[in-house]
Amino acid sequence: MKSAYEIAMERANKIYGTDDKNVNSLEIREELKEIMAPFFKEDMNAEGLWHELKGKEKSYLNEAQLMLIESIGLRNSSEQIKRRKKAVAAVESLKESGNSTFFEKQFTQAQSLQQQYQTQKKQLDEQVKQHLEQAQQGQGQNPLAAAQNGNGEAQNGMNAQMKQQLAQKVSEFQEGYNKRFNQLIEKMKAEIE
């Protein structure tokens, strides 16, 4: 009869794909953190990362690529995405699987999506700012007259409704871009062999 510990370890091995011969992905990631930290701190370029990973097993190269891909997001600068693109291509060259072109295209799409996001975010932020300024000017022009006419509550209600609509618009904007970006990341992760 197996102990609870033995059963738990068997389940962990199934989940993380480990057995006595293989190292699990969590252990690989821990080791890679030390190797890749200089790259993420921008103390090392893609070529330096290539040299550090040269000679590593394919499981290490795959995890390194996953870590690079998972580290990009809409809030990254275009330059940061470009750095990761070069690094993923460099690691891919160590695997000799010929998917470099695929990853370059996907990262180019990620850069384009990130730039679209930044441009439209600035426009949306400007719209929100203009609406808030207009609302403040509308309230500030003649608050005494609004109070005498009993319109103070209606004005505040309209502002609350407008704020809610603006917040919803911003939320939908964020969700839409996050969904598109996440789909792109998942597509790249699925391509790692």
Protein backbone atom coordinates (compact mmCIF):
# COMPACT_ATOMS: atom_id res chain seq x y z
CA MET A 1 0.00 0.00 0.00
CA LYS A 2 1.33 3.46 -0.99
CA SER A 3 1.62 6.34 1.42
CA ALA A 4 -0.09 9.67 0.78
CA TYR A 5 3.34 11.16 0.06
CA GLU A 6 4.10 8.54 -2.61
CA ILE A 7 0.71 9.11 -4.25
CA ALA A 8 1.24 12.88 -4.22
CA MET A 9 4.70 12.50 -5.76
CA GLU A 10 3.32 10.26 -8.53
CA ARG A 11 0.67 12.87 -9.31
CA ALA A 12 3.29 15.63 -9.38
CA ASN A 13 5.42 13.55 -11.73
CA LYS A 14 2.46 13.10 -14.06
CA ILE A 15 1.61 16.80 -14.00
CA TYR A 16 5.17 18.06 -14.44
CA GLY A 17 6.32 15.26 -16.70
CA THR A 18 9.07 14.00 -14.44
CA ASP A 19 10.46 10.61 -13.70
CA ASP A 20 13.82 9.44 -12.41
CA LYS A 21 15.52 10.32 -15.73
CA ASN A 22 14.08 13.80 -16.33
CA VAL A 23 14.19 17.05 -14.42
CA ASN A 24 10.83 18.79 -14.06
CA SER A 25 10.10 22.17 -15.59
CA LEU A 26 9.98 23.95 -12.22
CA GLU A 27 13.53 22.85 -11.45
CA ILE A 28 14.63 23.85 -14.95
CA ARG A 29 13.03 27.28 -14.53
CA GLU A 30 14.81 27.81 -11.22
CA GLU A 31 18.14 27.08 -12.87
CA LEU A 32 17.28 29.25 -15.88
CA LYS A 33 16.37 32.22 -13.68
CA GLU A 34 20.02 32.58 -12.72
CA ILE A 35 21.21 32.16 -16.31
CA MET A 36 18.62 34.53 -17.79
CA ALA A 37 18.55 37.22 -15.08
CA PRO A 38 21.29 39.30 -16.76
CA PHE A 39 19.27 39.25 -20.00
CA PHE A 40 16.11 40.48 -18.27
CA LYS A 41 18.13 43.15 -16.45
CA GLU A 42 19.49 44.18 -19.87
CA ASP A 43 23.05 43.33 -18.81
CA MET A 44 23.21 40.70 -21.56
CA ASN A 45 22.05 40.66 -25.18
CA ALA A 46 20.55 37.79 -27.21
CA GLU A 47 24.00 36.63 -28.33
CA GLY A 48 25.20 36.44 -24.74
CA LEU A 49 22.12 34.42 -23.83
CA TRP A 50 22.83 32.14 -26.77
CA HIS A 51 26.35 31.48 -25.40
CA GLU A 52 24.98 30.80 -21.91
CA LEU A 53 22.42 28.28 -23.22
CA LYS A 54 24.69 26.62 -25.76
CA GLY A 55 25.05 22.94 -24.93
CA LYS A 56 21.90 22.81 -22.77
CA GLU A 57 19.33 20.07 -23.30
CA LYS A 58 16.29 20.75 -25.43
CA SER A 59 14.04 20.84 -22.34
CA TYR A 60 16.10 23.79 -21.05
CA LEU A 61 15.90 25.57 -24.39
CA ASN A 62 12.14 25.08 -24.53
CA GLU A 63 11.68 26.45 -21.01
CA ALA A 64 13.95 29.41 -21.80
CA GLN A 65 11.79 30.24 -24.81
CA LEU A 66 8.61 29.91 -22.75
CA MET A 67 10.04 32.26 -20.13
CA LEU A 68 10.95 34.81 -22.79
CA ILE A 69 7.54 34.60 -24.44
CA GLU A 70 5.68 34.78 -21.12
CA SER A 71 7.64 37.89 -20.18
CA ILE A 72 6.15 40.05 -22.92
CA GLY A 73 2.99 42.08 -22.53
CA LEU A 74 1.20 45.15 -23.75
CA ARG A 75 2.99 47.31 -21.22
CA ASN A 76 6.41 46.34 -22.57
CA SER A 77 8.11 48.83 -24.82
CA SER A 78 8.63 48.03 -28.46
CA GLU A 79 12.36 47.75 -27.74
CA GLN A 80 11.78 45.18 -24.97
CA ILE A 81 9.67 43.06 -27.30
CA LYS A 82 12.36 43.33 -29.98
CA ARG A 83 15.01 42.13 -27.48
CA ARG A 84 12.92 39.09 -26.60
CA LYS A 85 12.29 38.40 -30.28
CA LYS A 86 16.04 38.25 -30.89
CA ALA A 87 16.54 36.05 -27.82
CA VAL A 88 13.81 33.57 -28.82
CA ALA A 89 15.29 33.37 -32.33
CA ALA A 90 18.76 32.80 -30.85
CA VAL A 91 17.49 29.99 -28.62
CA GLU A 92 15.57 28.53 -31.56
CA SER A 93 18.81 28.41 -33.56
CA LEU A 94 20.30 26.20 -30.83
CA LYS A 95 17.43 23.76 -31.29
CA GLU A 96 17.95 23.66 -35.07
CA SER A 97 14.22 23.15 -35.62
CA GLY A 98 13.76 25.90 -38.19
CA ASN A 99 10.90 27.77 -36.50
CA SER A 100 12.82 31.05 -36.26
CA THR A 101 10.77 32.61 -39.06
CA PHE A 102 7.52 31.72 -37.29
CA PHE A 103 8.65 33.34 -34.04
CA GLU A 104 9.98 36.43 -35.80
CA LYS A 105 6.61 36.93 -37.52
CA GLN A 106 4.72 36.44 -34.25
CA PHE A 107 6.94 38.87 -32.38
CA THR A 108 6.55 41.41 -35.19
CA GLN A 109 2.78 41.06 -34.76
CA ALA A 110 3.22 41.50 -31.01
CA GLN A 111 5.19 44.71 -31.58
CA SER A 112 2.54 45.99 -33.96
CA LEU A 113 -0.25 45.14 -31.53
CA GLN A 114 1.63 46.80 -28.68
CA GLN A 115 2.12 49.97 -30.76
CA GLN A 116 -1.57 50.02 -31.73
CA TYR A 117 -2.45 49.57 -28.07
CA GLN A 118 -0.22 52.46 -26.97
CA THR A 119 -1.57 54.79 -29.69
CA GLN A 120 -5.21 54.00 -28.98
CA LYS A 121 -4.63 54.12 -25.22
CA LYS A 122 -3.28 57.67 -25.55
CA GLN A 123 -6.33 58.63 -27.60
CA LEU A 124 -8.69 57.05 -25.09
CA ASP A 125 -6.89 58.70 -22.17
CA GLU A 126 -7.24 62.05 -23.95
CA GLN A 127 -10.97 61.46 -24.49
CA VAL A 128 -11.46 60.59 -20.83
CA LYS A 129 -9.51 63.67 -19.80
CA GLN A 130 -11.61 65.89 -22.08
CA HIS A 131 -14.87 64.44 -20.73
CA LEU A 132 -13.76 64.99 -17.15
CA GLU A 133 -12.65 68.56 -17.89
CA GLN A 134 -15.97 69.30 -19.60
CA ALA A 135 -17.85 67.88 -16.63
CA GLN A 136 -15.82 70.00 -14.21
CA GLN A 137 -16.36 73.12 -16.30
CA GLY A 138 -20.08 72.39 -16.48
CA GLN A 139 -20.29 72.06 -12.72
CA GLY A 140 -17.94 74.91 -11.94
CA GLN A 141 -19.49 77.55 -14.20
CA ASN A 142 -22.58 78.24 -12.18
CA PRO A 143 -23.04 75.90 -9.22
CA LEU A 144 -25.35 78.38 -7.44
CA ALA A 145 -27.77 78.49 -10.36
CA ALA A 146 -27.76 74.72 -10.62
CA ALA A 147 -28.53 74.42 -6.89
CA GLN A 148 -31.36 76.99 -7.11
CA ASN A 149 -32.90 75.19 -10.06
CA GLY A 150 -32.59 71.82 -8.31
CA ASN A 151 -30.37 70.49 -11.10
CA GLY A 152 -27.46 69.69 -8.82
CA GLU A 153 -28.55 66.10 -8.28
CA ALA A 154 -29.30 65.55 -11.98
CA GLN A 155 -25.88 66.94 -12.90
CA ASN A 156 -24.16 64.65 -10.39
CA GLY A 157 -26.21 61.68 -11.62
CA MET A 158 -25.20 62.43 -15.18
CA ASN A 159 -21.57 62.64 -14.13
CA ALA A 160 -21.79 59.30 -12.34
CA GLN A 161 -23.40 57.73 -15.42
CA MET A 162 -20.78 59.30 -17.69
CA LYS A 163 -17.96 58.09 -15.41
CA GLN A 164 -19.42 54.60 -15.45
CA GLN A 165 -19.64 54.62 -19.25
CA LEU A 166 -16.05 55.86 -19.56
CA ALA A 167 -14.82 53.22 -17.10
CA GLN A 168 -16.66 50.53 -19.06
CA LYS A 169 -15.16 51.79 -22.33
CA VAL A 170 -11.65 51.69 -20.83
CA SER A 171 -12.27 48.22 -19.41
CA GLU A 172 -13.53 46.87 -22.74
CA PHE A 173 -10.55 48.43 -24.50
CA GLN A 174 -8.11 46.74 -22.09
CA GLU A 175 -9.90 43.38 -22.29
CA GLY A 176 -9.94 43.42 -26.10
CA TYR A 177 -6.23 44.08 -26.43
CA ASN A 178 -5.31 41.69 -23.63
CA LYS A 179 -7.32 38.94 -25.30
CA ARG A 180 -5.64 39.51 -28.68
CA PHE A 181 -2.18 39.67 -27.11
CA ASN A 182 -2.77 36.54 -25.02
CA GLN A 183 -3.92 34.65 -28.12
CA LEU A 184 -0.67 35.61 -29.83
CA ILE A 185 1.37 34.44 -26.83
CA GLU A 186 -0.53 31.14 -26.65
CA LYS A 187 0.06 30.59 -30.36
CA MET A 188 3.81 31.00 -29.83
CA LYS A 189 3.86 28.80 -26.74
CA ALA A 190 2.03 26.05 -28.64
CA GLU A 191 4.72 26.11 -31.33
CA ILE A 192 7.55 25.32 -28.89
CA GLU A 193 8.54 21.69 -29.33
